[in-house]
């Protein structure tokens, strides 16, 4: 049996290069989440969408929305 990259490809092996990850769809933000991002970070709706398109992820638990204040962002 032959060894090496060429042999691996001939035998159904991989190329050793990972495939590009599939783009993720931006999650749907509720009105409360958008309001928090707007109020706390001063972002407009288009800016929020652009950040999601760029892959930025925000984690805002719904239970803590009422406690989030501008001072919480450091």
PDB file of N, CA and C in Angstrom:
ATOM      1  N   UNK A   1       0.849  -1.178   0.000  1.00  0.00           N
ATOM      2  CA  UNK A   1       0.000   0.000   0.000  1.00  0.00           C
ATOM      3  C   UNK A   1       0.889   1.233   0.000  1.00  0.00           C
ATOM      4  N   UNK A   2       0.543   2.215  -0.816  1.00  0.00           N
ATOM      5  CA  UNK A   2       1.299   3.463  -0.876  1.00  0.00           C
ATOM      6  C   UNK A   2       0.887   4.373   0.264  1.00  0.00           C
ATOM      7  N   UNK A   3       1.815   5.184   0.698  1.00  0.00           N
ATOM      8  CA  UNK A   3       1.532   6.139   1.768  1.00  0.00           C
ATOM      9  C   UNK A   3       1.701   7.553   1.233  1.00  0.00           C
ATOM     10  N   UNK A   4       1.157   8.500   1.947  1.00  0.00           N
ATOM     11  CA  UNK A   4       1.338   9.898   1.577  1.00  0.00           C
ATOM     12  C   UNK A   4       0.028  10.549   1.187  1.00  0.00           C
ATOM     13  N   UNK A   5       0.119  11.834   0.936  1.00  0.00           N
ATOM     14  CA  UNK A   5      -1.085  12.614   0.650  1.00  0.00           C
ATOM     15  C   UNK A   5      -1.781  12.142  -0.617  1.00  0.00           C
ATOM     16  N   UNK A   6      -1.008  11.916  -1.672  1.00  0.00           N
ATOM     17  CA  UNK A   6      -1.629  11.492  -2.929  1.00  0.00           C
ATOM     18  C   UNK A   6      -2.361  10.167  -2.750  1.00  0.00           C
ATOM     19  N   UNK A   7      -1.742   9.233  -2.036  1.00  0.00           N
ATOM     20  CA  UNK A   7      -2.386   7.938  -1.803  1.00  0.00           C
ATOM     21  C   UNK A   7      -3.652   8.115  -0.988  1.00  0.00           C
ATOM     22  N   UNK A   8      -3.614   8.996  -0.007  1.00  0.00           N
ATOM     23  CA  UNK A   8      -4.797   9.233   0.814  1.00  0.00           C
ATOM     24  C   UNK A   8      -5.953   9.756  -0.009  1.00  0.00           C
ATOM     25  N   UNK A   9      -5.655  10.648  -0.942  1.00  0.00           N
ATOM     26  CA  UNK A   9      -6.718  11.174  -1.799  1.00  0.00           C
ATOM     27  C   UNK A   9      -7.250  10.086  -2.722  1.00  0.00           C
ATOM     28  N   UNK A  10      -6.360   9.247  -3.221  1.00  0.00           N
ATOM     29  CA  UNK A  10      -6.797   8.172  -4.105  1.00  0.00           C
ATOM     30  C   UNK A  10      -7.667   7.168  -3.368  1.00  0.00           C
ATOM     31  N   UNK A  11      -7.417   7.003  -2.086  1.00  0.00           N
ATOM     32  CA  UNK A  11      -8.164   6.027  -1.300  1.00  0.00           C
ATOM     33  C   UNK A  11      -9.373   6.653  -0.605  1.00  0.00           C
ATOM     34  N   UNK A  12      -9.739   7.859  -1.004  1.00  0.00           N
ATOM     35  CA  UNK A  12     -10.921   8.488  -0.433  1.00  0.00           C
ATOM     36  C   UNK A  12     -10.637   9.293   0.809  1.00  0.00           C
ATOM     37  N   UNK A  13      -9.362   9.528   1.123  1.00  0.00           N
ATOM     38  CA  UNK A  13      -9.011  10.329   2.290  1.00  0.00           C
ATOM     39  C   UNK A  13      -9.241  11.804   2.022  1.00  0.00           C
ATOM     40  N   UNK A  14      -9.123  12.607   3.059  1.00  0.00           N
ATOM     41  CA  UNK A  14      -9.320  14.044   2.923  1.00  0.00           C
ATOM     42  C   UNK A  14      -8.095  14.734   2.364  1.00  0.00           C
ATOM     43  N   UNK A  15      -8.238  16.008   2.102  1.00  0.00           N
ATOM     44  CA  UNK A  15      -7.137  16.797   1.560  1.00  0.00           C
ATOM     45  C   UNK A  15      -6.292  17.405   2.663  1.00  0.00           C
ATOM     46  N   UNK A  16      -6.739  17.333   3.891  1.00  0.00           N
ATOM     47  CA  UNK A  16      -6.022  17.950   5.002  1.00  0.00           C
ATOM     48  C   UNK A  16      -6.394  19.403   5.205  1.00  0.00           C
ATOM     49  N   UNK A  17      -7.282  19.925   4.377  1.00  0.00           N
ATOM     50  CA  UNK A  17      -7.716  21.315   4.492  1.00  0.00           C
ATOM     51  C   UNK A  17      -9.155  21.315   4.989  1.00  0.00           C
ATOM     52  N   UNK A  18      -9.382  22.035   6.072  1.00  0.00           N
ATOM     53  CA  UNK A  18     -10.735  22.102   6.628  1.00  0.00           C
ATOM     54  C   UNK A  18     -11.630  22.932   5.711  1.00  0.00           C
ATOM     55  N   UNK A  19     -12.871  22.521   5.524  1.00  0.00           N
ATOM     56  CA  UNK A  19     -13.788  23.312   4.694  1.00  0.00           C
ATOM     57  C   UNK A  19     -14.150  24.619   5.391  1.00  0.00           C
ATOM     58  N   UNK A  20     -14.501  25.611   4.596  1.00  0.00           N
ATOM     59  CA  UNK A  20     -14.940  26.895   5.148  1.00  0.00           C
ATOM     60  C   UNK A  20     -16.243  26.677   5.913  1.00  0.00           C
ATOM     61  N   UNK A  21     -16.387  27.284   7.099  1.00  0.00           N
ATOM     62  CA  UNK A  21     -17.654  27.137   7.818  1.00  0.00           C
ATOM     63  C   UNK A  21     -18.778  27.851   7.071  1.00  0.00           C
ATOM     64  N   UNK A  22     -19.954  27.288   7.174  1.00  0.00           N
ATOM     65  CA  UNK A  22     -21.116  27.904   6.534  1.00  0.00           C
ATOM     66  C   UNK A  22     -21.468  29.190   7.270  1.00  0.00           C
ATOM     67  N   UNK A  23     -21.866  30.237   6.553  1.00  0.00           N
ATOM     68  CA  UNK A  23     -22.236  31.480   7.233  1.00  0.00           C
ATOM     69  C   UNK A  23     -23.456  31.267   8.119  1.00  0.00           C
ATOM     70  N   UNK A  24     -23.426  31.907   9.277  1.00  0.00           N
ATOM     71  CA  UNK A  24     -24.557  31.794  10.203  1.00  0.00           C
ATOM     72  C   UNK A  24     -25.559  32.897   9.903  1.00  0.00           C
ATOM     73  N   UNK A  25     -26.804  32.559  10.033  1.00  0.00           N
ATOM     74  CA  UNK A  25     -27.842  33.574   9.893  1.00  0.00           C
ATOM     75  C   UNK A  25     -27.904  34.374  11.185  1.00  0.00           C
ATOM     76  N   UNK A  26     -28.124  35.655  11.048  1.00  0.00           N
ATOM     77  CA  UNK A  26     -28.237  36.502  12.232  1.00  0.00           C
ATOM     78  C   UNK A  26     -29.480  36.095  13.007  1.00  0.00           C
ATOM     79  N   UNK A  27     -29.354  35.946  14.322  1.00  0.00           N
ATOM     80  CA  UNK A  27     -30.530  35.582  15.108  1.00  0.00           C
ATOM     81  C   UNK A  27     -31.537  36.724  15.122  1.00  0.00           C
ATOM     82  N   UNK A  28     -32.768  36.355  15.269  1.00  0.00           N
ATOM     83  CA  UNK A  28     -33.807  37.369  15.367  1.00  0.00           C
ATOM     84  C   UNK A  28     -33.747  38.007  16.747  1.00  0.00           C
ATOM     85  N   UNK A  29     -33.664  39.300  16.778  1.00  0.00           N
ATOM     86  CA  UNK A  29     -33.645  40.008  18.054  1.00  0.00           C
ATOM     87  C   UNK A  29     -35.043  40.491  18.373  1.00  0.00           C
ATOM     88  N   UNK A  30     -35.433  40.308  19.613  1.00  0.00           N
ATOM     89  CA  UNK A  30     -36.700  40.843  20.057  1.00  0.00           C
ATOM     90  C   UNK A  30     -36.603  42.346  20.254  1.00  0.00           C
ATOM     91  N   UNK A  31     -37.730  42.983  20.405  1.00  0.00           N
ATOM     92  CA  UNK A  31     -37.756  44.432  20.592  1.00  0.00           C
ATOM     93  C   UNK A  31     -36.983  44.837  21.841  1.00  0.00           C
ATOM     94  N   UNK A  32     -37.070  44.038  22.915  1.00  0.00           N
ATOM     95  CA  UNK A  32     -36.350  44.368  24.145  1.00  0.00           C
ATOM     96  C   UNK A  32     -34.842  44.332  23.931  1.00  0.00           C
ATOM     97  N   UNK A  33     -34.353  43.315  23.229  1.00  0.00           N
ATOM     98  CA  UNK A  33     -32.914  43.203  22.985  1.00  0.00           C
ATOM     99  C   UNK A  33     -32.413  44.353  22.127  1.00  0.00           C
ATOM    100  N   UNK A  34     -33.167  44.689  21.088  1.00  0.00           N
ATOM    101  CA  UNK A  34     -32.775  45.826  20.242  1.00  0.00           C
ATOM    102  C   UNK A  34     -32.784  47.119  21.042  1.00  0.00           C
ATOM    103  N   UNK A  35     -33.759  47.284  21.912  1.00  0.00           N
ATOM    104  CA  UNK A  35     -33.832  48.495  22.727  1.00  0.00           C
ATOM    105  C   UNK A  35     -32.626  48.603  23.648  1.00  0.00           C
ATOM    106  N   UNK A  36     -32.204  47.481  24.231  1.00  0.00           N
ATOM    107  CA  UNK A  36     -31.038  47.495  25.116  1.00  0.00           C
ATOM    108  C   UNK A  36     -29.787  47.855  24.332  1.00  0.00           C
ATOM    109  N   UNK A  37     -29.589  47.232  23.170  1.00  0.00           N
ATOM    110  CA  UNK A  37     -28.411  47.546  22.364  1.00  0.00           C
ATOM    111  C   UNK A  37     -28.424  49.009  21.928  1.00  0.00           C
ATOM    112  N   UNK A  38     -29.594  49.531  21.639  1.00  0.00           N
ATOM    113  CA  UNK A  38     -29.702  50.935  21.248  1.00  0.00           C
ATOM    114  C   UNK A  38     -29.409  51.858  22.428  1.00  0.00           C
ATOM    115  N   UNK A  39     -30.042  51.595  23.559  1.00  0.00           N
ATOM    116  CA  UNK A  39     -29.889  52.468  24.728  1.00  0.00           C
ATOM    117  C   UNK A  39     -28.504  52.376  25.350  1.00  0.00           C
ATOM    118  N   UNK A  40     -28.011  51.162  25.564  1.00  0.00           N
ATOM    119  CA  UNK A  40     -26.750  50.980  26.280  1.00  0.00           C
ATOM    120  C   UNK A  40     -25.554  51.283  25.387  1.00  0.00           C
ATOM    121  N   UNK A  41     -25.594  50.803  24.157  1.00  0.00           N
ATOM    122  CA  UNK A  41     -24.447  50.972  23.272  1.00  0.00           C
ATOM    123  C   UNK A  41     -24.608  52.133  22.299  1.00  0.00           C
ATOM    124  N   UNK A  42     -25.806  52.705  22.227  1.00  0.00           N
ATOM    125  CA  UNK A  42     -26.037  53.826  21.324  1.00  0.00           C
ATOM    126  C   UNK A  42     -26.029  53.429  19.854  1.00  0.00           C
ATOM    127  N   UNK A  43     -26.442  52.207  19.558  1.00  0.00           N
ATOM    128  CA  UNK A  43     -26.416  51.714  18.188  1.00  0.00           C
ATOM    129  C   UNK A  43     -27.771  51.889  17.514  1.00  0.00           C
ATOM    130  N   UNK A  44     -27.737  52.255  16.243  1.00  0.00           N
ATOM    131  CA  UNK A  44     -28.954  52.321  15.442  1.00  0.00           C
ATOM    132  C   UNK A  44     -29.265  50.923  14.912  1.00  0.00           C
ATOM    133  N   UNK A  45     -30.488  50.717  14.451  1.00  0.00           N
ATOM    134  CA  UNK A  45     -30.901  49.392  13.973  1.00  0.00           C
ATOM    135  C   UNK A  45     -29.985  48.883  12.866  1.00  0.00           C
ATOM    136  N   UNK A  46     -29.620  49.728  11.923  1.00  0.00           N
ATOM    137  CA  UNK A  46     -28.729  49.312  10.835  1.00  0.00           C
ATOM    138  C   UNK A  46     -27.355  48.923  11.332  1.00  0.00           C
ATOM    139  N   UNK A  47     -26.871  49.617  12.363  1.00  0.00           N
ATOM    140  CA  UNK A  47     -25.565  49.285  12.937  1.00  0.00           C
ATOM    141  C   UNK A  47     -25.610  47.936  13.648  1.00  0.00           C
ATOM    142  N   UNK A  48     -26.701  47.661  14.341  1.00  0.00           N
ATOM    143  CA  UNK A  48     -26.866  46.373  15.025  1.00  0.00           C
ATOM    144  C   UNK A  48     -26.862  45.250  13.990  1.00  0.00           C
ATOM    145  N   UNK A  49     -27.609  45.426  12.903  1.00  0.00           N
ATOM    146  CA  UNK A  49     -27.652  44.412  11.847  1.00  0.00           C
ATOM    147  C   UNK A  49     -26.279  44.222  11.206  1.00  0.00           C
ATOM    148  N   UNK A  50     -25.536  45.312  10.998  1.00  0.00           N
ATOM    149  CA  UNK A  50     -24.200  45.216  10.397  1.00  0.00           C
ATOM    150  C   UNK A  50     -23.248  44.428  11.295  1.00  0.00           C
ATOM    151  N   UNK A  51     -23.363  44.622  12.608  1.00  0.00           N
ATOM    152  CA  UNK A  51     -22.512  43.871  13.532  1.00  0.00           C
ATOM    153  C   UNK A  51     -22.827  42.380  13.471  1.00  0.00           C
ATOM    154  N   UNK A  52     -24.108  42.038  13.412  1.00  0.00           N
ATOM    155  CA  UNK A  52     -24.483  40.627  13.291  1.00  0.00           C
ATOM    156  C   UNK A  52     -23.983  40.054  11.974  1.00  0.00           C
ATOM    157  N   UNK A  53     -24.086  40.827  10.895  1.00  0.00           N
ATOM    158  CA  UNK A  53     -23.595  40.356   9.596  1.00  0.00           C
ATOM    159  C   UNK A  53     -22.094  40.102   9.636  1.00  0.00           C
ATOM    160  N   UNK A  54     -21.370  40.873  10.455  1.00  0.00           N
ATOM    161  CA  UNK A  54     -19.920  40.710  10.586  1.00  0.00           C
ATOM    162  C   UNK A  54     -19.557  39.569  11.531  1.00  0.00           C
ATOM    163  N   UNK A  55     -20.549  38.974  12.195  1.00  0.00           N
ATOM    164  CA  UNK A  55     -20.287  37.835  13.070  1.00  0.00           C
ATOM    165  C   UNK A  55     -20.175  38.173  14.541  1.00  0.00           C
ATOM    166  N   UNK A  56     -20.448  39.427  14.909  1.00  0.00           N
ATOM    167  CA  UNK A  56     -20.403  39.806  16.323  1.00  0.00           C
ATOM    168  C   UNK A  56     -21.612  39.195  17.019  1.00  0.00           C
ATOM    169  N   UNK A  57     -21.381  38.616  18.194  1.00  0.00           N
ATOM    170  CA  UNK A  57     -22.458  37.967  18.940  1.00  0.00           C
ATOM    171  C   UNK A  57     -22.680  38.713  20.248  1.00  0.00           C
ATOM    172  N   UNK A  58     -23.917  39.029  20.530  1.00  0.00           N
ATOM    173  CA  UNK A  58     -24.299  39.644  21.794  1.00  0.00           C
ATOM    174  C   UNK A  58     -25.078  38.611  22.590  1.00  0.00           C
ATOM    175  N   UNK A  59     -24.774  38.499  23.861  1.00  0.00           N
ATOM    176  CA  UNK A  59     -25.538  37.593  24.718  1.00  0.00           C
ATOM    177  C   UNK A  59     -26.201  38.442  25.786  1.00  0.00           C
ATOM    178  N   UNK A  60     -27.507  38.592  25.664  1.00  0.00           N
ATOM    179  CA  UNK A  60     -28.276  39.374  26.627  1.00  0.00           C
ATOM    180  C   UNK A  60     -29.406  38.480  27.123  1.00  0.00           C
ATOM    181  N   UNK A  61     -29.239  37.875  28.295  1.00  0.00           N
ATOM    182  CA  UNK A  61     -30.315  37.038  28.827  1.00  0.00           C
ATOM    183  C   UNK A  61     -31.577  37.870  29.054  1.00  0.00           C
ATOM    184  N   UNK A  62     -32.700  37.363  28.590  1.00  0.00           N
ATOM    185  CA  UNK A  62     -33.957  38.094  28.732  1.00  0.00           C
ATOM    186  C   UNK A  62     -34.273  38.424  30.179  1.00  0.00           C
ATOM    187  N   UNK A  63     -33.916  37.542  31.094  1.00  0.00           N
ATOM    188  CA  UNK A  63     -34.235  37.764  32.505  1.00  0.00           C
ATOM    189  C   UNK A  63     -33.475  38.948  33.087  1.00  0.00           C
ATOM    190  N   UNK A  64     -32.353  39.330  32.470  1.00  0.00           N
ATOM    191  CA  UNK A  64     -31.560  40.416  33.044  1.00  0.00           C
ATOM    192  C   UNK A  64     -31.752  41.739  32.315  1.00  0.00           C
ATOM    193  N   UNK A  65     -32.643  41.797  31.345  1.00  0.00           N
ATOM    194  CA  UNK A  65     -32.820  43.038  30.592  1.00  0.00           C
ATOM    195  C   UNK A  65     -33.201  44.209  31.491  1.00  0.00           C
ATOM    196  N   UNK A  66     -34.036  43.949  32.465  1.00  0.00           N
ATOM    197  CA  UNK A  66     -34.485  45.044  33.320  1.00  0.00           C
ATOM    198  C   UNK A  66     -33.381  45.536  34.248  1.00  0.00           C
ATOM    199  N   UNK A  67     -32.324  44.728  34.443  1.00  0.00           N
ATOM    200  CA  UNK A  67     -31.237  45.123  35.340  1.00  0.00           C
ATOM    201  C   UNK A  67     -30.062  45.748  34.604  1.00  0.00           C
ATOM    202  N   UNK A  68     -30.026  45.656  33.273  1.00  0.00           N
ATOM    203  CA  UNK A  68     -28.893  46.138  32.501  1.00  0.00           C
ATOM    204  C   UNK A  68     -28.923  47.660  32.418  1.00  0.00           C
ATOM    205  N   UNK A  69     -27.838  48.267  32.806  1.00  0.00           N
ATOM    206  CA  UNK A  69     -27.721  49.720  32.779  1.00  0.00           C
ATOM    207  C   UNK A  69     -26.426  50.089  32.065  1.00  0.00           C
ATOM    208  N   UNK A  70     -26.304  51.330  31.586  1.00  0.00           N
ATOM    209  CA  UNK A  70     -25.070  51.735  30.896  1.00  0.00           C
ATOM    210  C   UNK A  70     -23.808  51.484  31.715  1.00  0.00           C
ATOM    211  N   UNK A  71     -23.886  51.562  33.030  1.00  0.00           N
ATOM    212  CA  UNK A  71     -22.710  51.326  33.871  1.00  0.00           C
ATOM    213  C   UNK A  71     -22.268  49.865  33.846  1.00  0.00           C
ATOM    214  N   UNK A  72     -23.143  48.950  33.389  1.00  0.00           N
ATOM    215  CA  UNK A  72     -22.795  47.533  33.321  1.00  0.00           C
ATOM    216  C   UNK A  72     -21.824  47.232  32.182  1.00  0.00           C
ATOM    217  N   UNK A  73     -21.734  48.138  31.215  1.00  0.00           N
ATOM    218  CA  UNK A  73     -20.828  47.953  30.081  1.00  0.00           C
ATOM    219  C   UNK A  73     -19.504  48.606  30.441  1.00  0.00           C
ATOM    220  N   UNK A  74     -18.419  47.810  30.477  1.00  0.00           N
ATOM    221  CA  UNK A  74     -17.131  48.332  30.932  1.00  0.00           C
ATOM    222  C   UNK A  74     -16.160  48.642  29.884  1.00  0.00           C
TER     223      UNK A  74
END
